[in-house]
Amino acid sequence: MFAVVRTGGKQYRVATDDRIVVEKIDGEEGSIVNLEALMLGEGATLTAGGSVTAEIVEQTKGEKIIIFKKKRRHNYRRKNGHRQMLTVLRITNIG
């Protein structure tokens, strides 16, 4: 059985015991999170709606992304970096 869930503006296809990395969700490691399922499926049958239960495995940061802006012949250079806050989830139940 699989489900399609939406969190952080993105959609993920998940099954039981999958680990997914999503944008930060408030909560501590070991706490349980309920996600709304857009679609549930098993084999060729699909149903709308449902619920997915996940456990927060880890709160972490993504890789550093360098933002560099430059305008030619104007002596304009800006360098900036960003690390996105991420949450690792383990899917425990689909229902």
N, C-alpha and C. Protein backbone atom coordinates (compact mmCIF):
# COMPACT_ATOMS: atom_id res chain seq x y z
N MET A 1 0.84 -1.17 0.00
CA MET A 1 0.00 0.00 0.00
C MET A 1 0.89 1.24 0.00
N PHE A 2 0.47 2.26 -0.72
CA PHE A 2 1.21 3.51 -0.78
C PHE A 2 0.26 4.67 -0.60
N ALA A 3 0.83 5.84 -0.33
CA ALA A 3 0.05 7.07 -0.19
C ALA A 3 0.83 8.22 -0.79
N VAL A 4 0.11 9.24 -1.19
CA VAL A 4 0.72 10.48 -1.67
C VAL A 4 0.39 11.55 -0.64
N VAL A 5 1.43 12.13 -0.02
CA VAL A 5 1.23 13.16 0.99
C VAL A 5 1.85 14.47 0.51
N ARG A 6 1.30 15.58 1.02
CA ARG A 6 1.84 16.90 0.68
C ARG A 6 2.30 17.58 1.96
N THR A 7 3.55 18.02 1.96
CA THR A 7 4.09 18.79 3.08
C THR A 7 5.20 19.70 2.55
N GLY A 8 5.24 20.90 3.04
CA GLY A 8 6.27 21.84 2.61
C GLY A 8 6.14 22.25 1.16
N GLY A 9 4.93 22.18 0.60
CA GLY A 9 4.70 22.57 -0.79
C GLY A 9 5.13 21.53 -1.81
N LYS A 10 5.49 20.34 -1.35
CA LYS A 10 5.90 19.26 -2.26
C LYS A 10 5.07 18.02 -1.96
N GLN A 11 4.99 17.12 -2.94
CA GLN A 11 4.25 15.88 -2.77
C GLN A 11 5.23 14.71 -2.76
N TYR A 12 4.95 13.72 -1.92
CA TYR A 12 5.82 12.56 -1.77
C TYR A 12 4.98 11.29 -1.85
N ARG A 13 5.47 10.29 -2.58
CA ARG A 13 4.84 8.98 -2.63
C ARG A 13 5.53 8.12 -1.59
N VAL A 14 4.78 7.65 -0.59
CA VAL A 14 5.38 6.94 0.53
C VAL A 14 4.70 5.60 0.75
N ALA A 15 5.44 4.69 1.36
CA ALA A 15 4.92 3.40 1.79
C ALA A 15 5.38 3.19 3.24
N THR A 16 4.87 2.17 3.89
CA THR A 16 5.24 1.90 5.27
C THR A 16 6.74 1.63 5.37
N ASP A 17 7.37 2.16 6.41
CA ASP A 17 8.79 2.05 6.72
C ASP A 17 9.69 2.84 5.77
N ASP A 18 9.15 3.70 4.94
CA ASP A 18 9.97 4.60 4.11
C ASP A 18 10.53 5.72 4.98
N ARG A 19 11.69 6.22 4.61
CA ARG A 19 12.27 7.41 5.24
C ARG A 19 12.28 8.51 4.19
N ILE A 20 11.71 9.67 4.54
CA ILE A 20 11.69 10.80 3.62
C ILE A 20 12.28 12.02 4.33
N VAL A 21 12.87 12.90 3.55
CA VAL A 21 13.43 14.15 4.07
C VAL A 21 12.56 15.28 3.56
N VAL A 22 11.93 16.01 4.49
CA VAL A 22 11.00 17.09 4.14
C VAL A 22 11.48 18.38 4.79
N GLU A 23 10.85 19.49 4.40
CA GLU A 23 11.15 20.76 5.05
C GLU A 23 10.73 20.67 6.50
N LYS A 24 11.32 21.52 7.33
CA LYS A 24 11.19 21.41 8.78
C LYS A 24 9.73 21.35 9.25
N ILE A 25 9.48 20.36 10.11
CA ILE A 25 8.20 20.22 10.79
C ILE A 25 8.49 20.35 12.29
N ASP A 26 7.70 21.15 12.99
CA ASP A 26 7.92 21.33 14.42
C ASP A 26 7.70 20.02 15.16
N GLY A 27 8.57 19.73 16.10
CA GLY A 27 8.46 18.52 16.90
C GLY A 27 9.85 18.03 17.29
N GLU A 28 9.88 17.17 18.29
CA GLU A 28 11.15 16.63 18.76
C GLU A 28 11.35 15.23 18.19
N GLU A 29 12.60 14.77 18.24
CA GLU A 29 12.90 13.43 17.75
C GLU A 29 12.12 12.40 18.55
N GLY A 30 11.51 11.46 17.85
CA GLY A 30 10.71 10.43 18.49
C GLY A 30 9.24 10.76 18.57
N SER A 31 8.85 12.00 18.30
CA SER A 31 7.43 12.35 18.36
C SER A 31 6.71 11.91 17.09
N ILE A 32 5.40 11.78 17.20
CA ILE A 32 4.57 11.27 16.11
C ILE A 32 3.90 12.44 15.41
N VAL A 33 3.85 12.39 14.07
CA VAL A 33 3.24 13.43 13.25
C VAL A 33 2.19 12.78 12.36
N ASN A 34 1.03 13.42 12.24
CA ASN A 34 -0.01 12.94 11.33
C ASN A 34 -0.01 13.82 10.09
N LEU A 35 0.07 13.20 8.92
CA LEU A 35 0.05 13.91 7.64
C LEU A 35 -1.23 13.54 6.90
N GLU A 36 -1.79 14.51 6.20
CA GLU A 36 -2.99 14.25 5.41
C GLU A 36 -2.59 13.64 4.07
N ALA A 37 -3.20 12.52 3.73
CA ALA A 37 -2.91 11.84 2.47
C ALA A 37 -3.84 12.37 1.39
N LEU A 38 -3.28 12.73 0.24
CA LEU A 38 -4.09 13.16 -0.89
C LEU A 38 -4.73 11.96 -1.57
N MET A 39 -3.98 10.84 -1.59
CA MET A 39 -4.44 9.65 -2.29
C MET A 39 -3.84 8.41 -1.64
N LEU A 40 -4.62 7.36 -1.57
CA LEU A 40 -4.15 6.06 -1.10
C LEU A 40 -4.28 5.08 -2.26
N GLY A 41 -3.36 4.15 -2.36
CA GLY A 41 -3.41 3.18 -3.45
C GLY A 41 -2.88 1.84 -3.03
N GLU A 42 -3.46 0.81 -3.61
CA GLU A 42 -2.97 -0.55 -3.41
C GLU A 42 -3.20 -1.28 -4.72
N GLY A 43 -2.10 -1.65 -5.36
CA GLY A 43 -2.22 -2.28 -6.68
C GLY A 43 -2.75 -1.27 -7.68
N ALA A 44 -3.88 -1.59 -8.31
CA ALA A 44 -4.45 -0.72 -9.33
C ALA A 44 -5.58 0.14 -8.78
N THR A 45 -5.99 -0.05 -7.52
CA THR A 45 -7.08 0.73 -6.95
C THR A 45 -6.56 1.96 -6.25
N LEU A 46 -7.23 3.08 -6.47
CA LEU A 46 -6.87 4.35 -5.85
C LEU A 46 -8.09 4.90 -5.12
N THR A 47 -7.85 5.49 -3.94
CA THR A 47 -8.91 6.15 -3.21
C THR A 47 -8.41 7.51 -2.77
N ALA A 48 -9.34 8.47 -2.68
CA ALA A 48 -8.96 9.82 -2.29
C ALA A 48 -9.02 9.97 -0.78
N GLY A 49 -8.12 10.77 -0.23
CA GLY A 49 -8.12 11.07 1.19
C GLY A 49 -7.47 9.99 2.03
N GLY A 50 -7.38 10.26 3.30
CA GLY A 50 -6.78 9.31 4.23
C GLY A 50 -5.81 9.99 5.16
N SER A 51 -5.09 9.19 5.94
CA SER A 51 -4.16 9.72 6.92
C SER A 51 -2.89 8.88 6.94
N VAL A 52 -1.77 9.54 7.18
CA VAL A 52 -0.48 8.86 7.26
C VAL A 52 0.16 9.27 8.59
N THR A 53 0.66 8.30 9.33
CA THR A 53 1.34 8.55 10.59
C THR A 53 2.84 8.36 10.38
N ALA A 54 3.61 9.33 10.87
CA ALA A 54 5.07 9.27 10.71
C ALA A 54 5.74 9.63 12.03
N GLU A 55 6.95 9.12 12.21
CA GLU A 55 7.75 9.41 13.39
C GLU A 55 8.92 10.29 12.97
N ILE A 56 9.20 11.33 13.76
CA ILE A 56 10.33 12.20 13.47
C ILE A 56 11.60 11.49 13.92
N VAL A 57 12.49 11.22 12.95
CA VAL A 57 13.74 10.53 13.23
C VAL A 57 14.83 11.52 13.60
N GLU A 58 14.88 12.65 12.88
CA GLU A 58 15.98 13.58 13.06
C GLU A 58 15.60 14.96 12.56
N GLN A 59 16.08 16.00 13.25
CA GLN A 59 16.00 17.37 12.78
C GLN A 59 17.41 17.75 12.32
N THR A 60 17.57 18.15 11.08
CA THR A 60 18.90 18.38 10.53
C THR A 60 18.89 19.58 9.59
N LYS A 61 20.05 19.86 9.01
CA LYS A 61 20.20 20.92 8.01
C LYS A 61 20.65 20.31 6.70
N GLY A 62 20.25 20.90 5.59
CA GLY A 62 20.68 20.44 4.28
C GLY A 62 22.07 20.96 3.95
N GLU A 63 22.52 20.64 2.75
CA GLU A 63 23.83 21.11 2.31
C GLU A 63 23.79 22.62 2.07
N LYS A 64 24.95 23.25 2.18
CA LYS A 64 25.04 24.69 1.99
C LYS A 64 24.92 25.02 0.51
N ILE A 65 24.09 26.00 0.23
CA ILE A 65 23.92 26.50 -1.14
C ILE A 65 24.52 27.89 -1.20
N ILE A 66 25.39 28.13 -2.17
CA ILE A 66 26.05 29.42 -2.33
C ILE A 66 25.26 30.26 -3.34
N ILE A 67 24.93 31.48 -2.93
CA ILE A 67 24.25 32.43 -3.82
C ILE A 67 25.28 33.51 -4.17
N PHE A 68 25.58 33.67 -5.44
CA PHE A 68 26.57 34.66 -5.87
C PHE A 68 25.94 35.55 -6.92
N LYS A 69 25.94 36.86 -6.65
CA LYS A 69 25.37 37.84 -7.57
C LYS A 69 26.50 38.73 -8.08
N LYS A 70 26.45 39.05 -9.37
CA LYS A 70 27.49 39.88 -9.95
C LYS A 70 26.91 40.69 -11.09
N LYS A 71 27.32 41.96 -11.17
CA LYS A 71 26.97 42.79 -12.32
C LYS A 71 28.27 43.22 -12.98
N ARG A 72 28.40 42.91 -14.24
CA ARG A 72 29.63 43.21 -14.96
C ARG A 72 29.90 44.71 -14.99
N ARG A 73 31.17 45.03 -14.88
CA ARG A 73 31.67 46.40 -15.04
C ARG A 73 31.09 47.40 -14.04
N HIS A 74 30.50 46.93 -12.92
CA HIS A 74 29.97 47.85 -11.91
C HIS A 74 30.58 47.58 -10.53
N ASN A 75 31.57 46.70 -10.45
CA ASN A 75 32.21 46.33 -9.19
C ASN A 75 31.18 45.91 -8.15
N TYR A 76 30.17 45.13 -8.59
CA TYR A 76 29.11 44.66 -7.70
C TYR A 76 29.20 43.16 -7.58
N ARG A 77 29.56 42.69 -6.39
CA ARG A 77 29.62 41.25 -6.13
C ARG A 77 29.06 41.00 -4.74
N ARG A 78 28.15 40.02 -4.62
CA ARG A 78 27.59 39.64 -3.33
C ARG A 78 27.63 38.12 -3.22
N LYS A 79 28.14 37.63 -2.10
CA LYS A 79 28.19 36.19 -1.87
C LYS A 79 27.42 35.89 -0.60
N ASN A 80 26.51 34.94 -0.68
CA ASN A 80 25.67 34.60 0.45
C ASN A 80 25.50 33.08 0.48
N GLY A 81 25.21 32.52 1.62
CA GLY A 81 25.00 31.09 1.74
C GLY A 81 23.71 30.80 2.47
N HIS A 82 23.18 29.59 2.27
CA HIS A 82 21.93 29.20 2.92
C HIS A 82 21.94 27.70 3.18
N ARG A 83 21.46 27.29 4.36
CA ARG A 83 21.28 25.88 4.69
C ARG A 83 19.84 25.70 5.14
N GLN A 84 19.09 24.89 4.41
CA GLN A 84 17.68 24.67 4.70
C GLN A 84 17.52 23.74 5.90
N MET A 85 16.61 24.06 6.80
CA MET A 85 16.28 23.20 7.92
C MET A 85 15.39 22.06 7.42
N LEU A 86 15.75 20.82 7.76
CA LEU A 86 15.06 19.63 7.26
C LEU A 86 14.64 18.72 8.40
N THR A 87 13.64 17.89 8.13
CA THR A 87 13.18 16.88 9.07
C THR A 87 13.18 15.53 8.37
N VAL A 88 13.73 14.51 9.01
CA VAL A 88 13.71 13.16 8.48
C VAL A 88 12.56 12.43 9.14
N LEU A 89 11.65 11.89 8.31
CA LEU A 89 10.48 11.17 8.81
C LEU A 89 10.54 9.70 8.44
N ARG A 90 10.04 8.84 9.34
CA ARG A 90 9.87 7.42 9.03
C ARG A 90 8.39 7.12 9.08
N ILE A 91 7.86 6.65 7.97
CA ILE A 91 6.43 6.37 7.85
C ILE A 91 6.12 5.11 8.65
N THR A 92 5.18 5.23 9.60
CA THR A 92 4.86 4.09 10.45
C THR A 92 3.53 3.44 10.09
N ASN A 93 2.56 4.22 9.63
CA ASN A 93 1.24 3.66 9.37
C ASN A 93 0.54 4.44 8.26
N ILE A 94 -0.13 3.72 7.37
CA ILE A 94 -0.93 4.34 6.32
C ILE A 94 -2.36 3.83 6.51
N GLY A 95 -3.29 4.78 6.61
CA GLY A 95 -4.67 4.35 6.83
C GLY A 95 -5.67 5.38 6.42
